[in-house]
N, C-alpha and C. Protein backbone atom coordinates (compact mmCIF):
# COMPACT_ATOMS: atom_id res chain seq x y z
N MET A 1 -16.63 8.80 -9.12
CA MET A 1 -17.22 9.59 -7.51
C MET A 1 -15.07 8.69 -7.47
N ARG A 2 -15.13 7.40 -7.70
CA ARG A 2 -13.66 7.33 -7.65
C ARG A 2 -12.23 7.53 -8.47
N THR A 3 -13.35 8.21 -9.62
CA THR A 3 -12.00 9.04 -10.74
C THR A 3 -11.99 10.34 -9.74
N LEU A 4 -12.99 10.62 -9.54
CA LEU A 4 -12.10 12.56 -9.13
C LEU A 4 -11.52 12.02 -7.14
N GLY A 5 -11.69 10.77 -6.47
CA GLY A 5 -10.74 10.88 -5.62
C GLY A 5 -9.59 10.62 -5.97
N ASN A 6 -9.71 9.61 -7.06
CA ASN A 6 -8.10 9.35 -7.29
C ASN A 6 -7.08 10.44 -8.08
N ILE A 7 -7.77 11.36 -8.86
CA ILE A 7 -7.22 12.79 -9.18
C ILE A 7 -6.86 13.54 -7.93
N ILE A 8 -7.51 13.74 -6.90
CA ILE A 8 -7.54 14.04 -5.92
C ILE A 8 -6.11 13.69 -5.46
N TRP A 9 -5.81 12.85 -5.04
CA TRP A 9 -5.11 11.91 -3.83
C TRP A 9 -3.81 11.57 -4.99
N PHE A 10 -3.74 11.73 -5.76
CA PHE A 10 -2.69 12.08 -7.16
C PHE A 10 -1.71 12.77 -7.12
N LEU A 11 -2.52 14.11 -6.65
CA LEU A 11 -1.84 15.80 -6.84
C LEU A 11 -1.89 16.22 -5.11
N PHE A 12 -2.33 15.72 -4.60
CA PHE A 12 -1.83 15.73 -3.04
C PHE A 12 -0.96 14.25 -2.35
N GLY A 13 -0.45 13.94 -2.77
CA GLY A 13 0.19 13.39 -2.82
C GLY A 13 1.04 11.77 -3.23
N GLY A 14 -0.09 11.34 -3.79
CA GLY A 14 -0.24 9.78 -4.47
C GLY A 14 1.23 9.26 -5.62
N VAL A 15 1.68 11.03 -5.88
CA VAL A 15 2.69 10.58 -6.87
C VAL A 15 3.67 10.42 -6.61
N PHE A 16 4.41 11.86 -4.81
CA PHE A 16 5.59 10.79 -4.59
C PHE A 16 5.98 10.04 -3.69
N MET A 17 4.22 9.39 -3.01
CA MET A 17 4.78 8.67 -2.41
C MET A 17 4.40 7.27 -3.72
N GLY A 18 4.29 6.87 -4.58
CA GLY A 18 4.05 5.75 -5.71
C GLY A 18 5.89 5.76 -6.18
N LEU A 19 5.97 7.32 -6.19
CA LEU A 19 7.63 7.02 -6.79
C LEU A 19 8.64 7.14 -5.58
N MET A 20 8.50 6.78 -4.21
CA MET A 20 8.80 6.39 -3.42
C MET A 20 9.27 5.08 -3.40
N TRP A 21 7.91 4.07 -3.51
CA TRP A 21 7.66 2.71 -2.74
C TRP A 21 8.90 2.14 -4.13
N TRP A 22 8.53 3.20 -5.93
CA TRP A 22 9.52 3.04 -6.51
C TRP A 22 10.95 2.45 -6.76
N ALA A 23 11.34 4.38 -6.24
CA ALA A 23 13.06 4.72 -5.29
C ALA A 23 13.55 3.54 -4.73
N PHE A 24 12.79 3.34 -3.45
CA PHE A 24 13.15 1.99 -2.39
C PHE A 24 12.62 0.50 -3.03
N GLY A 25 11.93 0.26 -4.45
CA GLY A 25 12.59 -1.00 -5.10
C GLY A 25 13.66 -1.09 -5.46
N LEU A 26 14.10 0.26 -6.48
CA LEU A 26 14.93 0.06 -7.30
C LEU A 26 15.88 -0.08 -6.61
N LEU A 27 16.32 0.24 -4.86
CA LEU A 27 17.19 -0.21 -4.36
C LEU A 27 17.29 -1.71 -3.55
N ALA A 28 16.22 -2.45 -3.54
CA ALA A 28 16.14 -3.57 -3.31
C ALA A 28 16.79 -4.90 -4.63
N TYR A 29 16.10 -3.46 -5.40
CA TYR A 29 17.20 -4.74 -6.65
C TYR A 29 18.45 -4.76 -6.75
N ILE A 30 19.26 -4.02 -6.19
CA ILE A 30 20.80 -4.07 -5.96
C ILE A 30 21.05 -5.65 -5.70
N SER A 31 20.43 -5.90 -4.58
CA SER A 31 20.97 -6.99 -4.07
C SER A 31 20.10 -8.57 -4.61
N ILE A 32 19.82 -8.92 -4.68
CA ILE A 32 19.71 -10.16 -5.01
C ILE A 32 18.64 -10.74 -3.97
N ILE A 33 19.17 -10.30 -2.85
CA ILE A 33 18.10 -11.10 -1.51
C ILE A 33 17.43 -10.31 -1.94
N GLY A 34 16.86 -9.02 -2.22
CA GLY A 34 15.97 -8.00 -1.94
C GLY A 34 15.87 -7.88 -3.29
N ILE A 35 15.46 -8.87 -3.93
CA ILE A 35 14.65 -8.61 -5.21
C ILE A 35 12.84 -8.75 -4.59
N PRO A 36 12.73 -10.58 -3.92
CA PRO A 36 11.08 -10.23 -3.70
C PRO A 36 10.72 -8.66 -2.94
N TRP A 37 11.30 -8.25 -2.23
CA TRP A 37 10.65 -7.43 -1.54
C TRP A 37 10.60 -5.74 -2.70
N GLY A 38 11.89 -6.08 -3.20
CA GLY A 38 11.84 -5.14 -5.05
C GLY A 38 10.60 -4.99 -5.97
N ARG A 39 9.78 -6.37 -5.88
CA ARG A 39 9.00 -6.24 -6.51
C ARG A 39 7.23 -6.17 -5.58
N ALA A 40 7.62 -5.74 -4.18
CA ALA A 40 6.39 -6.32 -3.87
C ALA A 40 6.65 -4.32 -3.52
N CYS A 41 7.89 -3.13 -3.73
CA CYS A 41 7.93 -1.88 -3.55
C CYS A 41 6.99 -1.55 -4.90
N PHE A 42 7.15 -2.47 -6.32
CA PHE A 42 7.00 -1.68 -7.23
C PHE A 42 4.85 -2.23 -6.83
N VAL A 43 4.43 -3.07 -7.04
CA VAL A 43 3.06 -3.29 -6.50
C VAL A 43 2.31 -2.35 -5.97
N MET A 44 3.17 -2.21 -4.48
CA MET A 44 2.83 -0.89 -3.38
C MET A 44 2.61 0.34 -4.43
N GLY A 45 3.65 0.72 -4.83
CA GLY A 45 3.77 2.00 -5.72
C GLY A 45 2.63 2.39 -6.67
N ASN A 46 2.35 1.07 -7.37
CA ASN A 46 1.02 1.17 -8.36
C ASN A 46 -0.01 1.08 -7.40
N PHE A 47 -0.57 0.50 -6.22
CA PHE A 47 -1.34 0.87 -5.88
C PHE A 47 -1.25 1.95 -5.04
N SER A 48 -0.23 2.84 -4.89
CA SER A 48 -0.20 4.40 -4.18
C SER A 48 -0.40 5.47 -4.97
N PHE A 49 -0.52 5.52 -6.42
CA PHE A 49 -1.03 6.30 -7.22
C PHE A 49 -2.16 6.68 -7.49
N PHE A 50 -3.10 5.18 -7.68
CA PHE A 50 -4.65 5.31 -7.93
C PHE A 50 -5.22 4.28 -7.16
N PRO A 51 -5.55 4.48 -5.94
CA PRO A 51 -5.48 3.89 -5.28
C PRO A 51 -7.42 3.29 -4.88
N PHE A 52 -7.78 4.23 -5.79
CA PHE A 52 -9.23 4.31 -5.42
C PHE A 52 -10.38 3.18 -6.39
N GLY A 53 -10.94 2.35 -5.84
CA GLY A 53 -11.07 1.14 -7.13
C GLY A 53 -10.17 0.16 -6.63
N GLN A 54 -9.40 -0.21 -6.36
CA GLN A 54 -8.33 -1.85 -6.58
C GLN A 54 -8.31 -1.68 -5.29
N GLU A 55 -8.66 -3.46 -5.38
CA GLU A 55 -8.24 -4.40 -4.04
C GLU A 55 -7.13 -5.13 -3.92
N PRO A 56 -6.53 -5.59 -3.10
CA PRO A 56 -5.78 -6.58 -3.07
C PRO A 56 -6.32 -7.84 -2.56
N ILE A 57 -5.94 -8.73 -3.50
CA ILE A 57 -6.37 -10.05 -2.72
C ILE A 57 -5.23 -11.43 -2.89
N ALA A 58 -5.08 -12.21 -2.42
CA ALA A 58 -4.50 -13.23 -1.97
C ALA A 58 -4.47 -14.14 -3.74
N ARG A 59 -3.06 -14.56 -3.90
CA ARG A 59 -2.53 -15.11 -5.30
C ARG A 59 -3.61 -16.02 -4.76
N ASP A 60 -3.07 -17.25 -3.76
CA ASP A 60 -4.28 -18.30 -4.00
C ASP A 60 -5.90 -18.25 -4.16
N GLU A 61 -6.37 -17.31 -3.96
CA GLU A 61 -7.22 -16.99 -3.80
C GLU A 61 -7.63 -16.65 -5.92
N LEU A 62 -7.04 -16.32 -6.76
CA LEU A 62 -7.08 -15.95 -7.33
C LEU A 62 -7.22 -16.90 -8.67
N THR A 63 -5.75 -17.63 -7.89
CA THR A 63 -5.76 -18.91 -8.92
C THR A 63 -6.12 -20.04 -8.18
N ASN A 64 -6.52 -20.47 -6.75
CA ASN A 64 -7.09 -22.10 -6.04
C ASN A 64 -5.97 -22.89 -5.81
N GLU A 65 -4.81 -22.24 -5.81
CA GLU A 65 -3.94 -23.44 -6.02
C GLU A 65 -2.80 -22.33 -4.59
N LYS A 66 -2.21 -23.61 -3.67
CA LYS A 66 -1.39 -23.02 -2.95
C LYS A 66 -0.09 -22.81 -3.52
N ASP A 67 0.39 -21.16 -2.42
CA ASP A 67 1.27 -21.47 -3.14
C ASP A 67 2.72 -22.25 -2.33
N ILE A 68 3.56 -22.11 -2.98
CA ILE A 68 5.38 -22.95 -2.71
C ILE A 68 6.00 -22.11 -1.98
N GLY A 69 6.34 -22.15 -0.02
CA GLY A 69 6.81 -21.39 -0.22
C GLY A 69 7.11 -20.14 1.12
N THR A 70 5.07 -20.34 1.10
CA THR A 70 4.97 -18.93 1.48
C THR A 70 4.18 -19.22 3.00
N SER A 71 4.74 -20.65 3.84
CA SER A 71 4.18 -20.68 4.84
C SER A 71 5.30 -21.03 5.56
N HIS A 72 4.81 -21.20 7.45
CA HIS A 72 6.27 -21.73 8.21
C HIS A 72 6.13 -23.09 8.19
N LEU A 73 5.36 -23.85 7.71
CA LEU A 73 4.89 -25.33 7.67
C LEU A 73 4.59 -25.82 6.67
N ASP A 74 5.67 -25.12 5.43
CA ASP A 74 5.95 -25.92 3.52
C ASP A 74 6.56 -26.54 4.59
């Protein structure tokens, strides 16, 4: 069922959505300040192509380490 959902999603708009995320990611890479947002745009673009069966998780849940600089109280 996941494969069928991904195929339908890809054909009816997922390809355009993913390419637009990638295009905005390239625009963000033009400036040094936009590089973190550009990387996030590429991740969102990959999720947009085939979203069914994928789940975003926090990096600290994956590595069991606290991220430096991601909190307002660091």
